[in-house]
Amino acid sequence: AKNLGEFWNRWHMSLSTWLRDYLYRPLGGNRVSK
């Protein structure tokens, strides 16, 4: 991976996608203020 974001897209992907779909996005994800 060339950055940490890419690392987490490559490492333990079932956990990373779970955190994205069931925690990060319900919190607002990238759709909220910076």
Full PDB file with SEQRES, HELIX, SHEET, SSBOND, CRYST1, ORIGX, SCALE, CONECT and MASTER records, all heavy atoms in Angstrom:
SEQRES   1 A   34  ALA LYS ASN LEU GLY GLU PHE TRP ASN ARG TRP HIS MET          
SEQRES   2 A   34  SER LEU SER THR TRP LEU ARG ASP TYR LEU TYR ARG PRO          
SEQRES   3 A   34  LEU GLY GLY ASN ARG VAL SER LYS                              
HELIX    1 AA1 LEU A    4  ARG A   10  1                                   7    
HELIX    2 AA2 MET A   13  LEU A   19  1                                   7    
HELIX    3 AA3 ARG A   20  TYR A   24  3                                   5    
CRYST1    1.000    1.000    1.000  90.00  90.00  90.00 P 1           1          
ORIGX1      1.000000  0.000000  0.000000        0.00000                         
ORIGX2      0.000000  1.000000  0.000000        0.00000                         
ORIGX3      0.000000  0.000000  1.000000        0.00000                         
SCALE1      1.000000  0.000000  0.000000        0.00000                         
SCALE2      0.000000  1.000000  0.000000        0.00000                         
SCALE3      0.000000  0.000000  1.000000        0.00000                         
ATOM      1  N   ALA A   1       0.836  -1.208   0.000  1.00  0.00           N  
ATOM      2  CA  ALA A   1       0.000   0.000   0.000  1.00  0.00           C  
ATOM      3  C   ALA A   1       0.865   1.251   0.000  1.00  0.00           C  
ATOM      4  O   ALA A   1       1.922   1.298   0.631  1.00  0.00           O  
ATOM      5  CB  ALA A   1      -0.921  -0.003   1.222  1.00  0.00           C  
ATOM      6  N   LYS A   2       0.393   2.280  -0.693  1.00  0.00           N  
ATOM      7  CA  LYS A   2       1.164   3.527  -0.829  1.00  0.00           C  
ATOM      8  C   LYS A   2       0.695   4.610   0.125  1.00  0.00           C  
ATOM      9  O   LYS A   2       1.253   5.697   0.163  1.00  0.00           O  
ATOM     10  CB  LYS A   2       1.096   3.997  -2.283  1.00  0.00           C  
ATOM     11  CG  LYS A   2       1.851   3.060  -3.231  1.00  0.00           C  
ATOM     12  CD  LYS A   2       1.495   3.260  -4.666  1.00  0.00           C  
ATOM     13  CE  LYS A   2       0.177   2.614  -5.044  1.00  0.00           C  
ATOM     14  NZ  LYS A   2       0.174   1.144  -4.988  1.00  0.00           N  
ATOM     15  N   ASN A   3      -0.352   4.331   0.898  1.00  0.00           N  
ATOM     16  CA  ASN A   3      -0.786   5.214   1.977  1.00  0.00           C  
ATOM     17  C   ASN A   3      -1.633   4.380   2.926  1.00  0.00           C  
ATOM     18  O   ASN A   3      -2.020   3.240   2.603  1.00  0.00           O  
ATOM     19  CB  ASN A   3      -1.561   6.430   1.446  1.00  0.00           C  
ATOM     20  CG  ASN A   3      -2.750   6.025   0.599  1.00  0.00           C  
ATOM     21  OD1 ASN A   3      -3.698   5.414   1.078  1.00  0.00           O  
ATOM     22  ND2 ASN A   3      -2.708   6.359  -0.691  1.00  0.00           N  
ATOM     23  N   LEU A   4      -1.941   4.937   4.094  1.00  0.00           N  
ATOM     24  CA  LEU A   4      -2.671   4.153   5.099  1.00  0.00           C  
ATOM     25  C   LEU A   4      -4.098   3.844   4.679  1.00  0.00           C  
ATOM     26  O   LEU A   4      -4.646   2.801   5.040  1.00  0.00           O  
ATOM     27  CB  LEU A   4      -2.665   4.889   6.438  1.00  0.00           C  
ATOM     28  CG  LEU A   4      -1.432   4.670   7.323  1.00  0.00           C  
ATOM     29  CD1 LEU A   4      -1.578   5.442   8.623  1.00  0.00           C  
ATOM     30  CD2 LEU A   4      -1.215   3.188   7.615  1.00  0.00           C  
ATOM     31  N   GLY A   5      -4.712   4.769   3.927  1.00  0.00           N  
ATOM     32  CA  GLY A   5      -6.051   4.477   3.440  1.00  0.00           C  
ATOM     33  C   GLY A   5      -6.065   3.245   2.564  1.00  0.00           C  
ATOM     34  O   GLY A   5      -6.939   2.371   2.693  1.00  0.00           O  
ATOM     35  N   GLU A   6      -5.081   3.155   1.669  1.00  0.00           N  
ATOM     36  CA  GLU A   6      -4.983   1.974   0.813  1.00  0.00           C  
ATOM     37  C   GLU A   6      -4.628   0.741   1.632  1.00  0.00           C  
ATOM     38  O   GLU A   6      -5.109  -0.364   1.348  1.00  0.00           O  
ATOM     39  CB  GLU A   6      -3.918   2.215  -0.266  1.00  0.00           C  
ATOM     40  CG  GLU A   6      -3.799   1.075  -1.263  1.00  0.00           C  
ATOM     41  CD  GLU A   6      -2.700   1.298  -2.281  1.00  0.00           C  
ATOM     42  OE1 GLU A   6      -2.225   2.454  -2.421  1.00  0.00           O  
ATOM     43  OE2 GLU A   6      -2.293   0.307  -2.929  1.00  0.00           O  
ATOM     44  N   PHE A   7      -3.793   0.918   2.665  1.00  0.00           N  
ATOM     45  CA  PHE A   7      -3.450  -0.221   3.523  1.00  0.00           C  
ATOM     46  C   PHE A   7      -4.704  -0.836   4.120  1.00  0.00           C  
ATOM     47  O   PHE A   7      -4.871  -2.068   4.113  1.00  0.00           O  
ATOM     48  CB  PHE A   7      -2.505   0.236   4.636  1.00  0.00           C  
ATOM     49  CG  PHE A   7      -2.283  -0.798   5.704  1.00  0.00           C  
ATOM     50  CD1 PHE A   7      -1.401  -1.840   5.501  1.00  0.00           C  
ATOM     51  CD2 PHE A   7      -2.972  -0.741   6.915  1.00  0.00           C  
ATOM     52  CE1 PHE A   7      -1.201  -2.813   6.477  1.00  0.00           C  
ATOM     53  CE2 PHE A   7      -2.773  -1.697   7.897  1.00  0.00           C  
ATOM     54  CZ  PHE A   7      -1.891  -2.738   7.678  1.00  0.00           C  
ATOM     55  N   TRP A   8      -5.609  -0.005   4.637  1.00  0.00           N  
ATOM     56  CA  TRP A   8      -6.815  -0.544   5.271  1.00  0.00           C  
ATOM     57  C   TRP A   8      -7.813  -1.079   4.256  1.00  0.00           C  
ATOM     58  O   TRP A   8      -8.729  -1.818   4.623  1.00  0.00           O  
ATOM     59  CB  TRP A   8      -7.448   0.507   6.175  1.00  0.00           C  
ATOM     60  CG  TRP A   8      -6.695   0.596   7.466  1.00  0.00           C  
ATOM     61  CD1 TRP A   8      -5.850   1.569   7.879  1.00  0.00           C  
ATOM     62  CD2 TRP A   8      -6.717  -0.371   8.519  1.00  0.00           C  
ATOM     63  NE1 TRP A   8      -5.321   1.280   9.110  1.00  0.00           N  
ATOM     64  CE2 TRP A   8      -5.841   0.103   9.534  1.00  0.00           C  
ATOM     65  CE3 TRP A   8      -7.367  -1.581   8.708  1.00  0.00           C  
ATOM     66  CZ2 TRP A   8      -5.619  -0.612  10.707  1.00  0.00           C  
ATOM     67  CZ3 TRP A   8      -7.144  -2.290   9.886  1.00  0.00           C  
ATOM     68  CH2 TRP A   8      -6.279  -1.802  10.865  1.00  0.00           C  
ATOM     69  N   ASN A   9      -7.642  -0.734   2.983  1.00  0.00           N  
ATOM     70  CA  ASN A   9      -8.444  -1.361   1.937  1.00  0.00           C  
ATOM     71  C   ASN A   9      -7.877  -2.703   1.511  1.00  0.00           C  
ATOM     72  O   ASN A   9      -8.531  -3.447   0.776  1.00  0.00           O  
ATOM     73  CB  ASN A   9      -8.525  -0.438   0.713  1.00  0.00           C  
ATOM     74  CG  ASN A   9      -9.426   0.749   0.940  1.00  0.00           C  
ATOM     75  OD1 ASN A   9     -10.392   0.668   1.698  1.00  0.00           O  
ATOM     76  ND2 ASN A   9      -9.111   1.868   0.313  1.00  0.00           N  
ATOM     77  N   ARG A  10      -6.663  -3.014   1.976  1.00  0.00           N  
ATOM     78  CA  ARG A  10      -6.009  -4.266   1.609  1.00  0.00           C  
ATOM     79  C   ARG A  10      -5.868  -5.227   2.796  1.00  0.00           C  
ATOM     80  O   ARG A  10      -5.666  -6.419   2.594  1.00  0.00           O  
ATOM     81  CB  ARG A  10      -4.590  -3.976   1.071  1.00  0.00           C  
ATOM     82  CG  ARG A  10      -4.532  -3.287  -0.289  1.00  0.00           C  
ATOM     83  CD  ARG A  10      -3.119  -2.792  -0.558  1.00  0.00           C  
ATOM     84  NE  ARG A  10      -2.908  -2.319  -1.912  1.00  0.00           N  
ATOM     85  CZ  ARG A  10      -2.321  -2.999  -2.879  1.00  0.00           C  
ATOM     86  NH1 ARG A  10      -1.881  -4.221  -2.637  1.00  0.00           N  
ATOM     87  NH2 ARG A  10      -2.152  -2.489  -4.074  1.00  0.00           N  
ATOM     88  N   TRP A  11      -5.929  -4.724   4.031  1.00  0.00           N  
ATOM     89  CA  TRP A  11      -5.682  -5.525   5.230  1.00  0.00           C  
ATOM     90  C   TRP A  11      -7.005  -5.918   5.889  1.00  0.00           C  
ATOM     91  O   TRP A  11      -7.857  -5.063   6.131  1.00  0.00           O  
ATOM     92  CB  TRP A  11      -4.822  -4.737   6.221  1.00  0.00           C  
ATOM     93  CG  TRP A  11      -4.660  -5.420   7.551  1.00  0.00           C  
ATOM     94  CD1 TRP A  11      -5.474  -5.292   8.644  1.00  0.00           C  
ATOM     95  CD2 TRP A  11      -3.646  -6.355   7.927  1.00  0.00           C  
ATOM     96  NE1 TRP A  11      -5.024  -6.096   9.668  1.00  0.00           N  
ATOM     97  CE2 TRP A  11      -3.901  -6.759   9.249  1.00  0.00           C  
ATOM     98  CE3 TRP A  11      -2.537  -6.893   7.259  1.00  0.00           C  
ATOM     99  CZ2 TRP A  11      -3.096  -7.670   9.927  1.00  0.00           C  
ATOM    100  CZ3 TRP A  11      -1.730  -7.807   7.931  1.00  0.00           C  
ATOM    101  CH2 TRP A  11      -2.012  -8.178   9.244  1.00  0.00           C  
ATOM    102  N   HIS A  12      -7.153  -7.204   6.216  1.00  0.00           N  
ATOM    103  CA  HIS A  12      -8.350  -7.694   6.927  1.00  0.00           C  
ATOM    104  C   HIS A  12      -9.591  -7.034   6.336  1.00  0.00           C  
ATOM    105  O   HIS A  12     -10.345  -6.351   7.034  1.00  0.00           O  
ATOM    106  CB  HIS A  12      -8.213  -7.385   8.414  1.00  0.00           C  
ATOM    107  CG  HIS A  12      -9.120  -8.190   9.295  1.00  0.00           C  
ATOM    108  ND1 HIS A  12     -10.127  -8.995   8.810  1.00  0.00           N  
ATOM    109  CD2 HIS A  12      -9.191  -8.298  10.652  1.00  0.00           C  
ATOM    110  CE1 HIS A  12     -10.754  -9.560   9.818  1.00  0.00           C  
ATOM    111  NE2 HIS A  12     -10.205  -9.166  10.943  1.00  0.00           N  
ATOM    112  N   MET A  13      -9.801  -7.251   5.053  1.00  0.00           N  
ATOM    113  CA  MET A  13     -10.798  -6.493   4.302  1.00  0.00           C  
ATOM    114  C   MET A  13     -12.225  -6.723   4.796  1.00  0.00           C  
ATOM    115  O   MET A  13     -13.072  -5.834   4.689  1.00  0.00           O  
ATOM    116  CB  MET A  13     -10.672  -6.815   2.817  1.00  0.00           C  
ATOM    117  CG  MET A  13      -9.357  -6.322   2.211  1.00  0.00           C  
ATOM    118  SD  MET A  13      -9.260  -6.517   0.416  1.00  0.00           S  
ATOM    119  CE  MET A  13      -9.105  -8.292   0.261  1.00  0.00           C  
ATOM    120  N   SER A  14     -12.506  -7.905   5.352  1.00  0.00           N  
ATOM    121  CA  SER A  14     -13.863  -8.124   5.857  1.00  0.00           C  
ATOM    122  C   SER A  14     -14.148  -7.239   7.062  1.00  0.00           C  
ATOM    123  O   SER A  14     -15.276  -6.770   7.250  1.00  0.00           O  
ATOM    124  CB  SER A  14     -14.068  -9.603   6.212  1.00  0.00           C  
ATOM    125  OG  SER A  14     -13.243  -9.999   7.287  1.00  0.00           O  
ATOM    126  N   LEU A  15     -13.124  -6.975   7.895  1.00  0.00           N  
ATOM    127  CA  LEU A  15     -13.305  -6.056   9.015  1.00  0.00           C  
ATOM    128  C   LEU A  15     -13.346  -4.607   8.522  1.00  0.00           C  
ATOM    129  O   LEU A  15     -14.188  -3.823   8.969  1.00  0.00           O  
ATOM    130  CB  LEU A  15     -12.176  -6.221  10.033  1.00  0.00           C  
ATOM    131  CG  LEU A  15     -12.166  -5.206  11.186  1.00  0.00           C  
ATOM    132  CD1 LEU A  15     -13.434  -5.321  12.034  1.00  0.00           C  
ATOM    133  CD2 LEU A  15     -10.915  -5.368  12.054  1.00  0.00           C  
ATOM    134  N   SER A  16     -12.448  -4.252   7.609  1.00  0.00           N  
ATOM    135  CA  SER A  16     -12.406  -2.876   7.108  1.00  0.00           C  
ATOM    136  C   SER A  16     -13.715  -2.483   6.440  1.00  0.00           C  
ATOM    137  O   SER A  16     -14.246  -1.388   6.663  1.00  0.00           O  
ATOM    138  CB  SER A  16     -11.244  -2.714   6.121  1.00  0.00           C  
ATOM    139  OG  SER A  16     -10.005  -2.916   6.752  1.00  0.00           O  
ATOM    140  N   THR A  17     -14.265  -3.371   5.601  1.00  0.00           N  
ATOM    141  CA  THR A  17     -15.531  -3.047   4.940  1.00  0.00           C  
ATOM    142  C   THR A  17     -16.687  -3.038   5.931  1.00  0.00           C  
ATOM    143  O   THR A  17     -17.636  -2.272   5.771  1.00  0.00           O  
ATOM    144  CB  THR A  17     -15.812  -4.042   3.798  1.00  0.00           C  
ATOM    145  OG1 THR A  17     -15.790  -5.386   4.316  1.00  0.00           O  
ATOM    146  CG2 THR A  17     -14.776  -3.913   2.698  1.00  0.00           C  
ATOM    147  N   TRP A  18     -16.604  -3.897   6.970  1.00  0.00           N  
ATOM    148  CA  TRP A  18     -17.647  -3.867   8.009  1.00  0.00           C  
ATOM    149  C   TRP A  18     -17.642  -2.516   8.707  1.00  0.00           C  
ATOM    150  O   TRP A  18     -18.701  -1.903   8.882  1.00  0.00           O  
ATOM    151  CB  TRP A  18     -17.418  -4.982   9.031  1.00  0.00           C  
ATOM    152  CG  TRP A  18     -18.579  -5.210   9.955  1.00  0.00           C  
ATOM    153  CD1 TRP A  18     -19.535  -6.173   9.842  1.00  0.00           C  
ATOM    154  CD2 TRP A  18     -18.923  -4.444  11.124  1.00  0.00           C  
ATOM    155  NE1 TRP A  18     -20.448  -6.064  10.863  1.00  0.00           N  
ATOM    156  CE2 TRP A  18     -20.109  -5.012  11.667  1.00  0.00           C  
ATOM    157  CE3 TRP A  18     -18.367  -3.352  11.751  1.00  0.00           C  
ATOM    158  CZ2 TRP A  18     -20.727  -4.510  12.805  1.00  0.00           C  
ATOM    159  CZ3 TRP A  18     -18.986  -2.835  12.888  1.00  0.00           C  
ATOM    160  CH2 TRP A  18     -20.135  -3.400  13.408  1.00  0.00           C  
ATOM    161  N   LEU A  19     -16.470  -2.055   9.133  1.00  0.00           N  
ATOM    162  CA  LEU A  19     -16.365  -0.757   9.809  1.00  0.00           C  
ATOM    163  C   LEU A  19     -16.859   0.371   8.897  1.00  0.00           C  
ATOM    164  O   LEU A  19     -17.494   1.321   9.357  1.00  0.00           O  
ATOM    165  CB  LEU A  19     -14.928  -0.506  10.244  1.00  0.00           C  
ATOM    166  CG  LEU A  19     -14.398  -1.417  11.363  1.00  0.00           C  
ATOM    167  CD1 LEU A  19     -12.897  -1.210  11.539  1.00  0.00           C  
ATOM    168  CD2 LEU A  19     -15.137  -1.159  12.678  1.00  0.00           C  
ATOM    169  N   ARG A  20     -16.561   0.257   7.615  1.00  0.00           N  
ATOM    170  CA  ARG A  20     -17.009   1.277   6.658  1.00  0.00           C  
ATOM    171  C   ARG A  20     -18.534   1.279   6.517  1.00  0.00           C  
ATOM    172  O   ARG A  20     -19.174   2.330   6.596  1.00  0.00           O  
ATOM    173  CB  ARG A  20     -16.372   1.005   5.288  1.00  0.00           C  
ATOM    174  CG  ARG A  20     -16.780   1.986   4.193  1.00  0.00           C  
ATOM    175  CD  ARG A  20     -16.437   1.410   2.828  1.00  0.00           C  
ATOM    176  NE  ARG A  20     -17.245   0.229   2.527  1.00  0.00           N  
ATOM    177  CZ  ARG A  20     -16.947  -0.667   1.574  1.00  0.00           C  
ATOM    178  NH1 ARG A  20     -15.832  -0.533   0.872  1.00  0.00           N  
ATOM    179  NH2 ARG A  20     -17.744  -1.703   1.365  1.00  0.00           N  
ATOM    180  N   ASP A  21     -19.125   0.077   6.333  1.00  0.00           N  
ATOM    181  CA  ASP A  21     -20.547  -0.007   6.012  1.00  0.00           C  
ATOM    182  C   ASP A  21     -21.459   0.124   7.225  1.00  0.00           C  
ATOM    183  O   ASP A  21     -22.588   0.613   7.095  1.00  0.00           O  
ATOM    184  CB  ASP A  21     -20.847  -1.338   5.311  1.00  0.00           C  
ATOM    185  CG  ASP A  21     -20.181  -1.431   3.957  1.00  0.00           C  
ATOM    186  OD1 ASP A  21     -19.776  -0.378   3.416  1.00  0.00           O  
ATOM    187  OD2 ASP A  21     -20.039  -2.560   3.440  1.00  0.00           O  
ATOM    188  N   TYR A  22     -20.997  -0.293   8.405  1.00  0.00           N  
ATOM    189  CA  TYR A  22     -21.882  -0.329   9.572  1.00  0.00           C  
ATOM    190  C   TYR A  22     -21.493   0.661  10.660  1.00  0.00           C  
ATOM    191  O   TYR A  22     -22.198   0.755  11.664  1.00  0.00           O  
ATOM    192  CB  TYR A  22     -21.922  -1.753  10.144  1.00  0.00           C  
ATOM    193  CG  TYR A  22     -22.399  -2.764   9.143  1.00  0.00           C  
ATOM    194  CD1 TYR A  22     -21.494  -3.594   8.470  1.00  0.00           C  
ATOM    195  CD2 TYR A  22     -23.748  -2.883   8.828  1.00  0.00           C  
ATOM    196  CE1 TYR A  22     -21.918  -4.502   7.530  1.00  0.00           C  
ATOM    197  CE2 TYR A  22     -24.194  -3.807   7.882  1.00  0.00           C  
ATOM    198  CZ  TYR A  22     -23.270  -4.608   7.235  1.00  0.00           C  
ATOM    199  OH  TYR A  22     -23.704  -5.501   6.294  1.00  0.00           O  
ATOM    200  N   LEU A  23     -20.415   1.411  10.454  1.00  0.00           N  
ATOM    201  CA  LEU A  23     -20.028   2.410  11.439  1.00  0.00           C  
ATOM    202  C   LEU A  23     -19.685   3.747  10.784  1.00  0.00           C  
ATOM    203  O   LEU A  23     -20.282   4.768  11.111  1.00  0.00           O  
ATOM    204  CB  LEU A  23     -18.840   1.905  12.274  1.00  0.00           C  
ATOM    205  CG  LEU A  23     -18.382   2.802  13.431  1.00  0.00           C  
ATOM    206  CD1 LEU A  23     -19.545   3.101  14.381  1.00  0.00           C  
ATOM    207  CD2 LEU A  23     -17.222   2.152  14.183  1.00  0.00           C  
ATOM    208  N   TYR A  24     -18.724   3.737   9.852  1.00  0.00           N  
ATOM    209  CA  TYR A  24     -18.261   5.000   9.258  1.00  0.00           C  
ATOM    210  C   TYR A  24     -19.384   5.690   8.475  1.00  0.00           C  
ATOM    211  O   TYR A  24     -19.645   6.888   8.684  1.00  0.00           O  
ATOM    212  CB  TYR A  24     -17.064   4.727   8.349  1.00  0.00           C  
ATOM    213  CG  TYR A  24     -16.464   5.968   7.742  1.00  0.00           C  
ATOM    214  CD1 TYR A  24     -15.779   6.895   8.529  1.00  0.00           C  
ATOM    215  CD2 TYR A  24     -16.571   6.231   6.376  1.00  0.00           C  
ATOM    216  CE1 TYR A  24     -15.220   8.035   7.977  1.00  0.00           C  
ATOM    217  CE2 TYR A  24     -16.018   7.365   5.806  1.00  0.00           C  
ATOM    218  CZ  TYR A  24     -15.342   8.259   6.612  1.00  0.00           C  
ATOM    219  OH  TYR A  24     -14.797   9.389   6.061  1.00  0.00           O  
ATOM    220  N   ARG A  25     -20.048   4.997   7.591  1.00  0.00           N  
ATOM    221  CA  ARG A  25     -21.105   5.616   6.793  1.00  0.00           C  
ATOM    222  C   ARG A  25     -22.311   6.016   7.634  1.00  0.00           C  
ATOM    223  O   ARG A  25     -22.863   7.104   7.422  1.00  0.00           O  
ATOM    224  CB  ARG A  25     -21.497   4.693   5.646  1.00  0.00           C  
ATOM    225  CG  ARG A  25     -20.434   4.633   4.553  1.00  0.00           C  
ATOM    226  CD  ARG A  25     -20.779   3.670   3.445  1.00  0.00           C  
ATOM    227  NE  ARG A  25     -19.770   3.717   2.383  1.00  0.00           N  
ATOM    228  CZ  ARG A  25     -19.720   2.855   1.362  1.00  0.00           C  
ATOM    229  NH1 ARG A  25     -20.626   1.879   1.275  1.00  0.00           N  
ATOM    230  NH2 ARG A  25     -18.779   2.967   0.444  1.00  0.00           N  
ATOM    231  N   PRO A  26     -22.769   5.184   8.595  1.00  0.00           N  
ATOM    232  CA  PRO A  26     -23.862   5.661   9.461  1.00  0.00           C  
ATOM    233  C   PRO A  26     -23.495   6.899  10.273  1.00  0.00           C  
ATOM    234  O   PRO A  26     -24.380   7.698  10.614  1.00  0.00           O  
ATOM    235  CB  PRO A  26     -24.128   4.459  10.379  1.00  0.00           C  
ATOM    236  CG  PRO A  26     -23.730   3.279   9.561  1.00  0.00           C  
ATOM    237  CD  PRO A  26     -22.531   3.739   8.780  1.00  0.00           C  
ATOM    238  N   LEU A  27     -22.213   7.096  10.579  1.00  0.00           N  
ATOM    239  CA  LEU A  27     -21.789   8.312  11.276  1.00  0.00           C  
ATOM    240  C   LEU A  27     -21.788   9.538  10.360  1.00  0.00           C  
ATOM    241  O   LEU A  27     -21.653  10.668  10.832  1.00  0.00           O  
ATOM    242  CB  LEU A  27     -20.382   8.125  11.853  1.00  0.00           C  
ATOM    243  CG  LEU A  27     -20.249   7.232  13.084  1.00  0.00           C  
ATOM    244  CD1 LEU A  27     -18.778   6.998  13.419  1.00  0.00           C  
ATOM    245  CD2 LEU A  27     -20.982   7.829  14.278  1.00  0.00           C  
ATOM    246  N   GLY A  28     -21.938   9.308   9.078  1.00  0.00           N  
ATOM    247  CA  GLY A  28     -21.933  10.409   8.115  1.00  0.00           C  
ATOM    248  C   GLY A  28     -20.893  10.258   7.039  1.00  0.00           C  
ATOM    249  O   GLY A  28     -20.967  10.903   5.997  1.00  0.00           O  
ATOM    250  N   GLY A  29     -19.881   9.404   7.301  1.00  0.00           N  
ATOM    251  CA  GLY A  29     -18.867   9.138   6.298  1.00  0.00           C  
ATOM    252  C   GLY A  29     -18.199  10.394   5.793  1.00  0.00           C  
ATOM    253  O   GLY A  29     -17.761  11.257   6.557  1.00  0.00           O  
ATOM    254  N   ASN A  30     -18.149  10.517   4.470  1.00  0.00           N  
ATOM    255  CA  ASN A  30     -17.551  11.687   3.825  1.00  0.00           C  
ATOM    256  C   ASN A  30     -18.581  12.749   3.471  1.00  0.00           C  
ATOM    257  O   ASN A  30     -18.226  13.766   2.860  1.00  0.00           O  
ATOM    258  CB  ASN A  30     -16.817  11.257   2.543  1.00  0.00           C  
ATOM    259  CG  ASN A  30     -15.701  10.275   2.821  1.00  0.00           C  
ATOM    260  OD1 ASN A  30     -15.043  10.348   3.854  1.00  0.00           O  
ATOM    261  ND2 ASN A  30     -15.472   9.339   1.902  1.00  0.00           N  
ATOM    262  N   ARG A  31     -19.837  12.531   3.856  1.00  0.00           N  
ATOM    263  CA  ARG A  31     -20.916  13.432   3.426  1.00  0.00           C  
ATOM    264  C   ARG A  31     -21.131  14.600   4.386  1.00  0.00           C  
ATOM    265  O   ARG A  31     -22.066  15.376   4.193  1.00  0.00           O  
ATOM    266  CB  ARG A  31     -22.226  12.646   3.311  1.00  0.00           C  
ATOM    267  CG  ARG A  31     -22.129  11.435   2.388  1.00  0.00           C  
ATOM    268  CD  ARG A  31     -23.470  10.727   2.255  1.00  0.00           C  
ATOM    269  NE  ARG A  31     -24.043  10.381   3.546  1.00  0.00           N  
ATOM    270  CZ  ARG A  31     -23.756   9.291   4.215  1.00  0.00           C  
ATOM    271  NH1 ARG A  31     -22.858   8.430   3.735  1.00  0.00           N  
ATOM    272  NH2 ARG A  31     -24.324   9.022   5.369  1.00  0.00           N  
ATOM    273  N   VAL A  32     -20.289  14.710   5.391  1.00  0.00           N  
ATOM    274  CA  VAL A  32     -20.458  15.749   6.406  1.00  0.00           C  
ATOM    275  C   VAL A  32     -19.301  16.746   6.310  1.00  0.00           C  
ATOM    276  O   VAL A  32     -18.465  16.671   5.409  1.00  0.00           O  
ATOM    277  CB  VAL A  32     -20.525  15.115   7.812  1.00  0.00           C  
ATOM    278  CG1 VAL A  32     -21.814  14.316   7.974  1.00  0.00           C  
ATOM    279  CG2 VAL A  32     -19.318  14.203   8.052  1.00  0.00           C  
ATOM    280  N   SER A  33     -19.258  17.685   7.235  1.00  0.00           N  
ATOM    281  CA  SER A  33     -18.205  18.699   7.226  1.00  0.00           C  
ATOM    282  C   SER A  33     -16.835  18.057   7.432  1.00  0.00           C  
ATOM    283  O   SER A  33     -16.723  16.935   7.950  1.00  0.00           O  
ATOM    284  CB  SER A  33     -18.461  19.725   8.320  1.00  0.00           C  
ATOM    285  OG  SER A  33     -18.351  19.118   9.603  1.00  0.00           O  
ATOM    286  N   LYS A  34     -15.794  18.781   7.058  1.00  0.00           N  
ATOM    287  CA  LYS A  34     -14.449  18.234   7.169  1.00  0.00           C  
ATOM    288  C   LYS A  34     -14.065  17.896   8.613  1.00  0.00           C  
ATOM    289  O   LYS A  34     -13.479  16.830   8.858  1.00  0.00           O  
ATOM    290  CB  LYS A  34     -13.449  19.198   6.537  1.00  0.00           C  
ATOM    291  CG  LYS A  34     -13.589  19.269   5.017  1.00  0.00           C  
ATOM    292  CD  LYS A  34     -12.601  20.248   4.404  1.00  0.00           C  
ATOM    293  CE  LYS A  34     -12.771  20.276   2.881  1.00  0.00           C  
ATOM    294  NZ  LYS A  34     -11.850  21.233   2.237  1.00  0.00           N  
TER     295      LYS A  34                                                      
MASTER        0    0    0    3    0    0    0    6  294    1    0    3          
END                                                                             
